[in-house]
Protein backbone atom coordinates (compact mmCIF):
# COMPACT_ATOMS: atom_id res chain seq x y z
CA UNK A 1 0.03 0.09 -0.08
CA UNK A 2 1.85 2.96 -1.15
CA UNK A 3 1.29 6.53 0.17
CA UNK A 4 0.02 7.97 -3.08
CA UNK A 5 -2.54 5.23 -3.33
CA UNK A 6 -3.67 5.83 0.25
CA UNK A 7 -4.11 9.47 -0.33
CA UNK A 8 -5.97 9.00 -3.59
CA UNK A 9 -8.44 6.67 -1.96
CA UNK A 10 -8.90 9.06 1.00
CA UNK A 11 -9.89 11.95 -1.57
CA UNK A 12 -12.12 9.44 -3.42
CA UNK A 13 -13.89 7.72 -0.65
CA UNK A 14 -13.79 10.43 2.18
CA UNK A 15 -12.39 10.38 5.60
CA UNK A 16 -15.01 8.32 7.36
CA UNK A 17 -15.23 5.41 4.76
CA UNK A 18 -11.32 5.47 4.29
CA UNK A 19 -10.67 5.18 8.07
CA UNK A 20 -13.30 2.41 8.34
CA UNK A 21 -11.61 0.51 5.50
CA UNK A 22 -8.27 0.76 7.26
CA UNK A 23 -9.79 -0.66 10.49
CA UNK A 24 -11.72 -3.46 8.98
CA UNK A 25 -9.89 -4.80 5.84
CA UNK A 26 -6.54 -3.24 6.65
CA UNK A 27 -6.39 -1.48 3.10
CA UNK A 28 -7.86 1.64 1.63
CA UNK A 29 -9.80 0.68 -1.59
CA UNK A 30 -12.12 2.60 -3.89
CA UNK A 31 -14.30 0.98 -6.48
CA UNK A 32 -17.78 0.56 -7.85
CA UNK A 33 -20.64 -0.85 -5.76
CA UNK A 34 -21.81 -4.15 -7.29
CA UNK A 35 -24.49 -5.33 -4.90
CA UNK A 36 -25.37 -6.40 -1.46
CA UNK A 37 -26.66 -9.70 0.07
CA UNK A 38 -29.22 -10.61 2.66
CA UNK A 39 -26.80 -10.03 5.61
CA UNK A 40 -26.13 -6.50 4.65
CA UNK A 41 -22.69 -6.96 3.29
CA UNK A 42 -21.63 -4.80 0.53
CA UNK A 43 -19.61 -6.06 -2.58
CA UNK A 44 -17.21 -3.85 -4.64
CA UNK A 45 -15.12 -4.17 -7.74
CA UNK A 46 -12.31 -2.01 -9.18
CA UNK A 47 -11.32 -3.05 -12.70
CA UNK A 48 -8.39 -0.49 -13.12
CA UNK A 49 -5.14 -2.76 -13.31
CA UNK A 50 -2.88 0.22 -12.23
CA UNK A 51 -4.74 0.62 -8.93
CA UNK A 52 -5.33 -2.86 -7.71
CA UNK A 53 -3.17 -6.00 -7.50
CA UNK A 54 -4.55 -8.80 -9.95
CA UNK A 55 -6.78 -11.07 -8.08
CA UNK A 56 -7.62 -8.49 -5.36
CA UNK A 57 -9.96 -6.27 -7.33
CA UNK A 58 -13.12 -7.59 -5.73
CA UNK A 59 -13.80 -7.41 -2.11
CA UNK A 60 -16.56 -7.45 0.46
CA UNK A 61 -17.41 -4.82 3.07
CA UNK A 62 -18.87 -6.87 6.06
CA UNK A 63 -21.85 -5.45 7.76
CA UNK A 64 -20.89 -6.92 11.18
CA UNK A 65 -17.81 -6.06 13.13
CA UNK A 66 -17.16 -9.51 14.22
CA UNK A 67 -17.12 -11.13 10.72
CA UNK A 68 -16.02 -14.45 9.39
CA UNK A 69 -16.06 -16.16 5.92
CA UNK A 70 -19.41 -18.15 6.50
CA UNK A 71 -21.17 -14.67 6.35
CA UNK A 72 -20.86 -14.59 2.58
CA UNK A 73 -23.29 -16.49 0.60
CA UNK A 74 -22.23 -19.18 -1.86
CA UNK A 75 -23.52 -17.24 -4.98
CA UNK A 76 -21.29 -14.11 -3.86
CA UNK A 77 -18.37 -16.42 -2.89
CA UNK A 78 -18.20 -17.78 -6.38
CA UNK A 79 -18.40 -14.14 -7.75
CA UNK A 80 -15.45 -13.01 -5.32
CA UNK A 81 -13.39 -16.02 -6.20
CA UNK A 82 -13.76 -15.65 -10.11
CA UNK A 83 -15.96 -18.71 -10.59
CA UNK A 84 -18.64 -16.51 -12.18
CA UNK A 85 -17.98 -13.53 -14.15
CA UNK A 86 -21.28 -11.81 -13.30
CA UNK A 87 -22.46 -10.79 -9.69
CA UNK A 88 -25.53 -12.82 -8.67
CA UNK A 89 -27.87 -9.97 -9.31
CA UNK A 90 -26.89 -9.85 -12.93
CA UNK A 91 -26.28 -13.49 -13.61
CA UNK A 92 -29.05 -15.18 -15.19
CA UNK A 93 -27.90 -18.80 -14.28
CA UNK A 94 -28.05 -17.92 -10.61
CA UNK A 95 -31.46 -16.11 -10.95
CA UNK A 96 -33.11 -18.96 -12.97
CA UNK A 97 -31.53 -22.15 -11.44
CA UNK A 98 -32.29 -21.47 -7.87
CA UNK A 99 -34.97 -24.09 -6.87
CA UNK A 100 -37.83 -22.88 -4.88
CA UNK A 101 -37.50 -25.53 -2.16
CA UNK A 102 -33.90 -24.54 -1.36
CA UNK A 103 -33.62 -23.17 2.21
CA UNK A 104 -32.16 -19.64 2.66
CA UNK A 105 -28.45 -19.52 3.36
CA UNK A 106 -27.58 -19.26 7.18
CA UNK A 107 -24.16 -18.51 8.34
CA UNK A 108 -22.14 -21.04 10.47
CA UNK A 109 -22.87 -20.39 14.00
CA UNK A 110 -20.27 -22.70 15.59
CA UNK A 111 -18.58 -20.83 18.49
CA UNK A 112 -21.46 -18.61 19.15
CA UNK A 113 -24.57 -18.58 21.32
CA UNK A 114 -26.70 -19.80 18.46
CA UNK A 115 -24.46 -22.82 17.91
CA UNK A 116 -26.31 -26.31 17.95
CA UNK A 117 -25.89 -28.03 21.20
CA UNK A 118 -26.94 -31.64 21.14
CA UNK A 119 -28.61 -33.40 24.25
CA UNK A 120 -28.81 -37.01 25.33
CA UNK A 121 -32.13 -38.78 25.58
CA UNK A 122 -30.57 -42.26 26.41
CA UNK A 123 -30.02 -43.60 30.01
CA UNK A 124 -26.48 -43.51 30.94
CA UNK A 125 -24.78 -46.94 30.91
CA UNK A 126 -22.80 -46.19 33.96
CA UNK A 127 -24.41 -44.46 36.90
CA UNK A 128 -22.33 -42.63 39.53
CA UNK A 129 -21.85 -44.13 43.04
CA UNK A 130 -24.00 -42.61 45.63
CA UNK A 131 -23.04 -43.52 49.17
CA UNK A 132 -26.06 -44.67 51.47
CA UNK A 133 -25.64 -42.70 54.64
CA UNK A 134 -26.90 -44.14 57.91
CA UNK A 135 -27.68 -42.15 60.75
CA UNK A 136 -25.88 -42.33 64.04
CA UNK A 137 -27.94 -42.53 67.11
């Protein structure tokens, strides 16, 4: 990240957006807004080869501060990783081939309060020893 590129993106994006990008993604980027998903994440693209490193010209601005990779739905994941050329909103394959019975995407909740916790309904094979106490009189 060069000083000239940082100052240019500060001028383009404004101080608030520039500072937020440095805090969240560690880089100051400017690009065109491509779309948003159901979680509120915003997706951007910068096709100028002089400004961005090849392969790093698509990025996501997460809506939540504590973000992880499972917050990116599969259709946007395929766009970010260049599996699909068009974003999901403009891609006819994604629009037409999504079956109506498919459940909506939910992020992985492992490690959070919403994580699945199993419970046992079977009687334990080993029971703990409980001593019998006789009264002294």
